[in-house]
PDB file of all heavy atoms in Angstrom:
ATOM      1  N   ALA A   1       7.756   8.454  -2.196  1.00  0.00           N
ATOM      2  CA  ALA A   1       7.975   7.357  -1.240  1.00  0.00           C
ATOM      3  C   ALA A   1       8.420   7.856   0.130  1.00  0.00           C
ATOM      4  O   ALA A   1       8.261   7.146   1.133  1.00  0.00           O
ATOM      5  CB  ALA A   1       9.005   6.380  -1.803  1.00  0.00           C
ATOM      6  N   ASP A   2       8.954   9.088   0.203  1.00  0.00           N
ATOM      7  CA  ASP A   2       9.460   9.567   1.502  1.00  0.00           C
ATOM      8  C   ASP A   2       8.349   9.867   2.512  1.00  0.00           C
ATOM      9  O   ASP A   2       8.616  10.096   3.692  1.00  0.00           O
ATOM     10  CB  ASP A   2      10.371  10.781   1.325  1.00  0.00           C
ATOM     11  CG  ASP A   2       9.661  12.030   0.800  1.00  0.00           C
ATOM     12  OD1 ASP A   2       8.428  11.978   0.599  1.00  0.00           O
ATOM     13  OD2 ASP A   2      10.349  13.053   0.574  1.00  0.00           O
ATOM     14  N   VAL A   3       7.080   9.845   2.080  1.00  0.00           N
ATOM     15  CA  VAL A   3       5.993  10.072   3.061  1.00  0.00           C
ATOM     16  C   VAL A   3       5.936   8.925   4.068  1.00  0.00           C
ATOM     17  O   VAL A   3       5.406   9.086   5.177  1.00  0.00           O
ATOM     18  CB  VAL A   3       4.614  10.251   2.378  1.00  0.00           C
ATOM     19  CG1 VAL A   3       4.633  11.420   1.404  1.00  0.00           C
ATOM     20  CG2 VAL A   3       4.157   8.979   1.702  1.00  0.00           C
ATOM     21  N   ASN A   4       6.472   7.776   3.701  1.00  0.00           N
ATOM     22  CA  ASN A   4       6.479   6.628   4.609  1.00  0.00           C
ATOM     23  C   ASN A   4       7.385   6.857   5.814  1.00  0.00           C
ATOM     24  O   ASN A   4       7.343   6.103   6.792  1.00  0.00           O
ATOM     25  CB  ASN A   4       6.920   5.363   3.864  1.00  0.00           C
ATOM     26  CG  ASN A   4       5.843   4.867   2.922  1.00  0.00           C
ATOM     27  OD1 ASN A   4       4.740   4.547   3.334  1.00  0.00           O
ATOM     28  ND2 ASN A   4       6.166   4.813   1.630  1.00  0.00           N
ATOM     29  N   GLU A   5       8.216   7.898   5.750  1.00  0.00           N
ATOM     30  CA  GLU A   5       9.096   8.221   6.876  1.00  0.00           C
ATOM     31  C   GLU A   5       8.328   8.894   8.013  1.00  0.00           C
ATOM     32  O   GLU A   5       8.826   9.012   9.133  1.00  0.00           O
ATOM     33  CB  GLU A   5      10.232   9.133   6.393  1.00  0.00           C
ATOM     34  CG  GLU A   5      11.147   8.458   5.368  1.00  0.00           C
ATOM     35  CD  GLU A   5      12.086   9.448   4.696  1.00  0.00           C
ATOM     36  OE1 GLU A   5      12.149  10.620   5.145  1.00  0.00           O
ATOM     37  OE2 GLU A   5      12.745   9.055   3.719  1.00  0.00           O
ATOM     38  N   LEU A   6       7.104   9.361   7.706  1.00  0.00           N
ATOM     39  CA  LEU A   6       6.280   9.988   8.743  1.00  0.00           C
ATOM     40  C   LEU A   6       5.545   8.912   9.541  1.00  0.00           C
ATOM     41  O   LEU A   6       4.887   8.044   8.959  1.00  0.00           O
ATOM     42  CB  LEU A   6       5.271  10.943   8.103  1.00  0.00           C
ATOM     43  CG  LEU A   6       5.871  12.145   7.360  1.00  0.00           C
ATOM     44  CD1 LEU A   6       4.784  12.884   6.592  1.00  0.00           C
ATOM     45  CD2 LEU A   6       6.560  13.080   8.343  1.00  0.00           C
ATOM     46  N   ASP A   7       5.642   8.961  10.856  1.00  0.00           N
ATOM     47  CA  ASP A   7       5.065   7.919  11.712  1.00  0.00           C
ATOM     48  C   ASP A   7       3.544   7.837  11.615  1.00  0.00           C
ATOM     49  O   ASP A   7       2.955   6.777  11.807  1.00  0.00           O
ATOM     50  CB  ASP A   7       5.456   8.160  13.182  1.00  0.00           C
ATOM     51  CG  ASP A   7       6.942   7.952  13.402  1.00  0.00           C
ATOM     52  OD1 ASP A   7       7.564   7.224  12.590  1.00  0.00           O
ATOM     53  OD2 ASP A   7       7.489   8.529  14.362  1.00  0.00           O
ATOM     54  N   ASN A   8       2.902   8.952  11.322  1.00  0.00           N
ATOM     55  CA  ASN A   8       1.440   8.988  11.340  1.00  0.00           C
ATOM     56  C   ASN A   8       0.817   8.885   9.940  1.00  0.00           C
ATOM     57  O   ASN A   8      -0.391   9.052   9.790  1.00  0.00           O
ATOM     58  CB  ASN A   8       0.958  10.278  12.018  1.00  0.00           C
ATOM     59  CG  ASN A   8       1.549  11.530  11.385  1.00  0.00           C
ATOM     60  OD1 ASN A   8       2.676  11.493  10.891  1.00  0.00           O
ATOM     61  ND2 ASN A   8       0.810  12.626  11.409  1.00  0.00           N
ATOM     62  N   VAL A   9       1.644   8.650   8.913  1.00  0.00           N
ATOM     63  CA  VAL A   9       1.143   8.533   7.533  1.00  0.00           C
ATOM     64  C   VAL A   9       1.371   7.106   7.033  1.00  0.00           C
ATOM     65  O   VAL A   9       2.475   6.555   7.155  1.00  0.00           O
ATOM     66  CB  VAL A   9       1.836   9.546   6.602  1.00  0.00           C
ATOM     67  CG1 VAL A   9       1.397   9.325   5.150  1.00  0.00           C
ATOM     68  CG2 VAL A   9       1.508  10.972   7.028  1.00  0.00           C
ATOM     69  N   TYR A  10       0.321   6.541   6.461  1.00  0.00           N
ATOM     70  CA  TYR A  10       0.399   5.171   5.925  1.00  0.00           C
ATOM     71  C   TYR A  10       0.070   5.257   4.436  1.00  0.00           C
ATOM     72  O   TYR A  10      -1.071   5.563   4.055  1.00  0.00           O
ATOM     73  CB  TYR A  10      -0.587   4.267   6.657  1.00  0.00           C
ATOM     74  CG  TYR A  10      -0.381   4.266   8.152  1.00  0.00           C
ATOM     75  CD1 TYR A  10      -0.988   5.236   8.953  1.00  0.00           C
ATOM     76  CD2 TYR A  10       0.456   3.328   8.745  1.00  0.00           C
ATOM     77  CE1 TYR A  10      -0.778   5.266  10.318  1.00  0.00           C
ATOM     78  CE2 TYR A  10       0.667   3.347  10.122  1.00  0.00           C
ATOM     79  CZ  TYR A  10       0.057   4.308  10.902  1.00  0.00           C
ATOM     80  OH  TYR A  10       0.278   4.331  12.269  1.00  0.00           O
ATOM     81  N   ALA A  11       1.076   5.036   3.587  1.00  0.00           N
ATOM     82  CA  ALA A  11       0.912   5.227   2.137  1.00  0.00           C
ATOM     83  C   ALA A  11       0.922   3.885   1.414  1.00  0.00           C
ATOM     84  O   ALA A  11       1.698   2.982   1.736  1.00  0.00           O
ATOM     85  CB  ALA A  11       2.021   6.126   1.603  1.00  0.00           C
ATOM     86  N   PHE A  12       0.042   3.781   0.431  1.00  0.00           N
ATOM     87  CA  PHE A  12      -0.070   2.561  -0.388  1.00  0.00           C
ATOM     88  C   PHE A  12      -0.083   2.973  -1.863  1.00  0.00           C
ATOM     89  O   PHE A  12      -0.653   4.017  -2.221  1.00  0.00           O
ATOM     90  CB  PHE A  12      -1.360   1.807  -0.060  1.00  0.00           C
ATOM     91  CG  PHE A  12      -1.535   1.515   1.414  1.00  0.00           C
ATOM     92  CD1 PHE A  12      -2.177   2.428   2.255  1.00  0.00           C
ATOM     93  CD2 PHE A  12      -1.047   0.342   1.960  1.00  0.00           C
ATOM     94  CE1 PHE A  12      -2.341   2.172   3.606  1.00  0.00           C
ATOM     95  CE2 PHE A  12      -1.196   0.070   3.318  1.00  0.00           C
ATOM     96  CZ  PHE A  12      -1.840   0.985   4.149  1.00  0.00           C
ATOM     97  N   ASN A  13       0.542   2.129  -2.715  1.00  0.00           N
ATOM     98  CA  ASN A  13       0.496   2.406  -4.153  1.00  0.00           C
ATOM     99  C   ASN A  13      -0.119   1.217  -4.892  1.00  0.00           C
ATOM    100  O   ASN A  13      -0.583   0.258  -4.260  1.00  0.00           O
ATOM    101  CB  ASN A  13       1.898   2.741  -4.695  1.00  0.00           C
ATOM    102  CG  ASN A  13       2.899   1.609  -4.482  1.00  0.00           C
ATOM    103  OD1 ASN A  13       2.604   0.452  -4.742  1.00  0.00           O
ATOM    104  ND2 ASN A  13       4.092   1.942  -4.007  1.00  0.00           N
ATOM    105  N   VAL A  14      -0.134   1.267  -6.228  1.00  0.00           N
ATOM    106  CA  VAL A  14      -0.832   0.230  -6.998  1.00  0.00           C
ATOM    107  C   VAL A  14      -0.270  -1.168  -6.734  1.00  0.00           C
ATOM    108  O   VAL A  14      -1.019  -2.161  -6.776  1.00  0.00           O
ATOM    109  CB  VAL A  14      -0.795   0.521  -8.523  1.00  0.00           C
ATOM    110  CG1 VAL A  14      -1.718   1.667  -8.873  1.00  0.00           C
ATOM    111  CG2 VAL A  14       0.619   0.791  -9.002  1.00  0.00           C
ATOM    112  N   ASP A  15       1.016  -1.266  -6.437  1.00  0.00           N
ATOM    113  CA  ASP A  15       1.590  -2.587  -6.180  1.00  0.00           C
ATOM    114  C   ASP A  15       1.094  -3.182  -4.863  1.00  0.00           C
ATOM    115  O   ASP A  15       1.107  -4.401  -4.675  1.00  0.00           O
ATOM    116  CB  ASP A  15       3.119  -2.516  -6.183  1.00  0.00           C
ATOM    117  CG  ASP A  15       3.684  -2.374  -7.587  1.00  0.00           C
ATOM    118  OD1 ASP A  15       2.889  -2.438  -8.546  1.00  0.00           O
ATOM    119  OD2 ASP A  15       4.905  -2.194  -7.732  1.00  0.00           O
ATOM    120  N   ASP A  16       0.638  -2.341  -3.953  1.00  0.00           N
ATOM    121  CA  ASP A  16       0.119  -2.834  -2.669  1.00  0.00           C
ATOM    122  C   ASP A  16      -1.275  -3.436  -2.800  1.00  0.00           C
ATOM    123  O   ASP A  16      -1.791  -4.036  -1.851  1.00  0.00           O
ATOM    124  CB  ASP A  16       0.081  -1.693  -1.644  1.00  0.00           C
ATOM    125  CG  ASP A  16       1.468  -1.175  -1.310  1.00  0.00           C
ATOM    126  OD1 ASP A  16       2.349  -2.010  -1.048  1.00  0.00           O
ATOM    127  OD2 ASP A  16       1.662   0.051  -1.336  1.00  0.00           O
ATOM    128  N   LEU A  17      -1.892  -3.277  -3.966  1.00  0.00           N
ATOM    129  CA  LEU A  17      -3.247  -3.800  -4.169  1.00  0.00           C
ATOM    130  C   LEU A  17      -3.255  -5.298  -4.492  1.00  0.00           C
ATOM    131  O   LEU A  17      -4.301  -5.926  -4.510  1.00  0.00           O
ATOM    132  CB  LEU A  17      -3.940  -3.043  -5.310  1.00  0.00           C
ATOM    133  CG  LEU A  17      -4.055  -1.526  -5.148  1.00  0.00           C
ATOM    134  CD1 LEU A  17      -4.737  -0.934  -6.364  1.00  0.00           C
ATOM    135  CD2 LEU A  17      -4.818  -1.184  -3.888  1.00  0.00           C
ATOM    136  N   LYS A  18      -2.086  -5.847  -4.776  1.00  0.00           N
ATOM    137  CA  LYS A  18      -2.033  -7.235  -5.258  1.00  0.00           C
ATOM    138  C   LYS A  18      -2.649  -8.222  -4.274  1.00  0.00           C
ATOM    139  O   LYS A  18      -3.322  -9.167  -4.666  1.00  0.00           O
ATOM    140  CB  LYS A  18      -0.583  -7.622  -5.572  1.00  0.00           C
ATOM    141  CG  LYS A  18      -0.037  -6.908  -6.802  1.00  0.00           C
ATOM    142  CD  LYS A  18       1.421  -7.275  -7.086  1.00  0.00           C
ATOM    143  CE  LYS A  18       1.924  -6.556  -8.318  1.00  0.00           C
ATOM    144  NZ  LYS A  18       3.349  -6.831  -8.586  1.00  0.00           N
ATOM    145  N   ALA A  19      -2.418  -8.014  -2.985  1.00  0.00           N
ATOM    146  CA  ALA A  19      -2.962  -8.947  -1.986  1.00  0.00           C
ATOM    147  C   ALA A  19      -4.484  -8.907  -1.981  1.00  0.00           C
ATOM    148  O   ALA A  19      -5.153  -9.944  -1.860  1.00  0.00           O
ATOM    149  CB  ALA A  19      -2.421  -8.608  -0.609  1.00  0.00           C
ATOM    150  N   VAL A  20      -5.051  -7.709  -2.143  1.00  0.00           N
ATOM    151  CA  VAL A  20      -6.510  -7.572  -2.167  1.00  0.00           C
ATOM    152  C   VAL A  20      -7.076  -8.274  -3.397  1.00  0.00           C
ATOM    153  O   VAL A  20      -8.065  -9.007  -3.338  1.00  0.00           O
ATOM    154  CB  VAL A  20      -6.904  -6.078  -2.196  1.00  0.00           C
ATOM    155  CG1 VAL A  20      -8.406  -5.928  -2.351  1.00  0.00           C
ATOM    156  CG2 VAL A  20      -6.430  -5.389  -0.934  1.00  0.00           C
ATOM    157  N   VAL A  21      -6.422  -8.020  -4.519  1.00  0.00           N
ATOM    158  CA  VAL A  21      -6.889  -8.586  -5.777  1.00  0.00           C
ATOM    159  C   VAL A  21      -6.816 -10.109  -5.758  1.00  0.00           C
ATOM    160  O   VAL A  21      -7.692 -10.801  -6.277  1.00  0.00           O
ATOM    161  CB  VAL A  21      -6.053  -8.014  -6.947  1.00  0.00           C
ATOM    162  CG1 VAL A  21      -6.343  -8.768  -8.238  1.00  0.00           C
ATOM    163  CG2 VAL A  21      -6.334  -6.536  -7.123  1.00  0.00           C
ATOM    164  N   ALA A  22      -5.770 -10.651  -5.125  1.00  0.00           N
ATOM    165  CA  ALA A  22      -5.566 -12.103  -5.119  1.00  0.00           C
ATOM    166  C   ALA A  22      -6.759 -12.841  -4.515  1.00  0.00           C
ATOM    167  O   ALA A  22      -7.086 -13.958  -4.920  1.00  0.00           O
ATOM    168  CB  ALA A  22      -4.291 -12.445  -4.351  1.00  0.00           C
ATOM    169  N   GLN A  23      -7.424 -12.219  -3.562  1.00  0.00           N
ATOM    170  CA  GLN A  23      -8.574 -12.868  -2.915  1.00  0.00           C
ATOM    171  C   GLN A  23      -9.730 -13.094  -3.898  1.00  0.00           C
ATOM    172  O   GLN A  23     -10.546 -13.979  -3.726  1.00  0.00           O
ATOM    173  CB  GLN A  23      -9.064 -11.998  -1.757  1.00  0.00           C
ATOM    174  CG  GLN A  23      -8.034 -11.812  -0.658  1.00  0.00           C
ATOM    175  CD  GLN A  23      -8.489 -10.774   0.358  1.00  0.00           C
ATOM    176  OE1 GLN A  23      -9.639 -10.377   0.381  1.00  0.00           O
ATOM    177  NE2 GLN A  23      -7.564 -10.317   1.195  1.00  0.00           N
ATOM    178  N   ASN A  24      -9.794 -12.243  -4.924  1.00  0.00           N
ATOM    179  CA  ASN A  24     -10.917 -12.319  -5.861  1.00  0.00           C
ATOM    180  C   ASN A  24     -10.565 -13.033  -7.165  1.00  0.00           C
ATOM    181  O   ASN A  24     -11.379 -13.104  -8.082  1.00  0.00           O
ATOM    182  CB  ASN A  24     -11.394 -10.898  -6.195  1.00  0.00           C
ATOM    183  CG  ASN A  24     -11.787 -10.128  -4.965  1.00  0.00           C
ATOM    184  OD1 ASN A  24     -12.634 -10.556  -4.203  1.00  0.00           O
ATOM    185  ND2 ASN A  24     -11.140  -8.993  -4.746  1.00  0.00           N
ATOM    186  N   GLN A  25      -9.327 -13.539  -7.265  1.00  0.00           N
ATOM    187  CA  GLN A  25      -8.848 -14.016  -8.556  1.00  0.00           C
ATOM    188  C   GLN A  25      -9.238 -15.446  -8.900  1.00  0.00           C
ATOM    189  O   GLN A  25      -9.410 -15.775 -10.068  1.00  0.00           O
ATOM    190  CB  GLN A  25      -7.310 -13.921  -8.617  1.00  0.00           C
ATOM    191  CG  GLN A  25      -6.771 -12.497  -8.621  1.00  0.00           C
ATOM    192  CD  GLN A  25      -7.036 -11.771  -9.920  1.00  0.00           C
ATOM    193  OE1 GLN A  25      -8.181 -11.488 -10.259  1.00  0.00           O
ATOM    194  NE2 GLN A  25      -6.001 -11.497 -10.665  1.00  0.00           N
TER     195      GLN A  25
END
């Protein structure tokens, strides 16, 4: 999770997929 401290890195995990999935549900 500490990679999110880098200004130029944008990290996503499986829980971040929920919004995408909701569109197709």
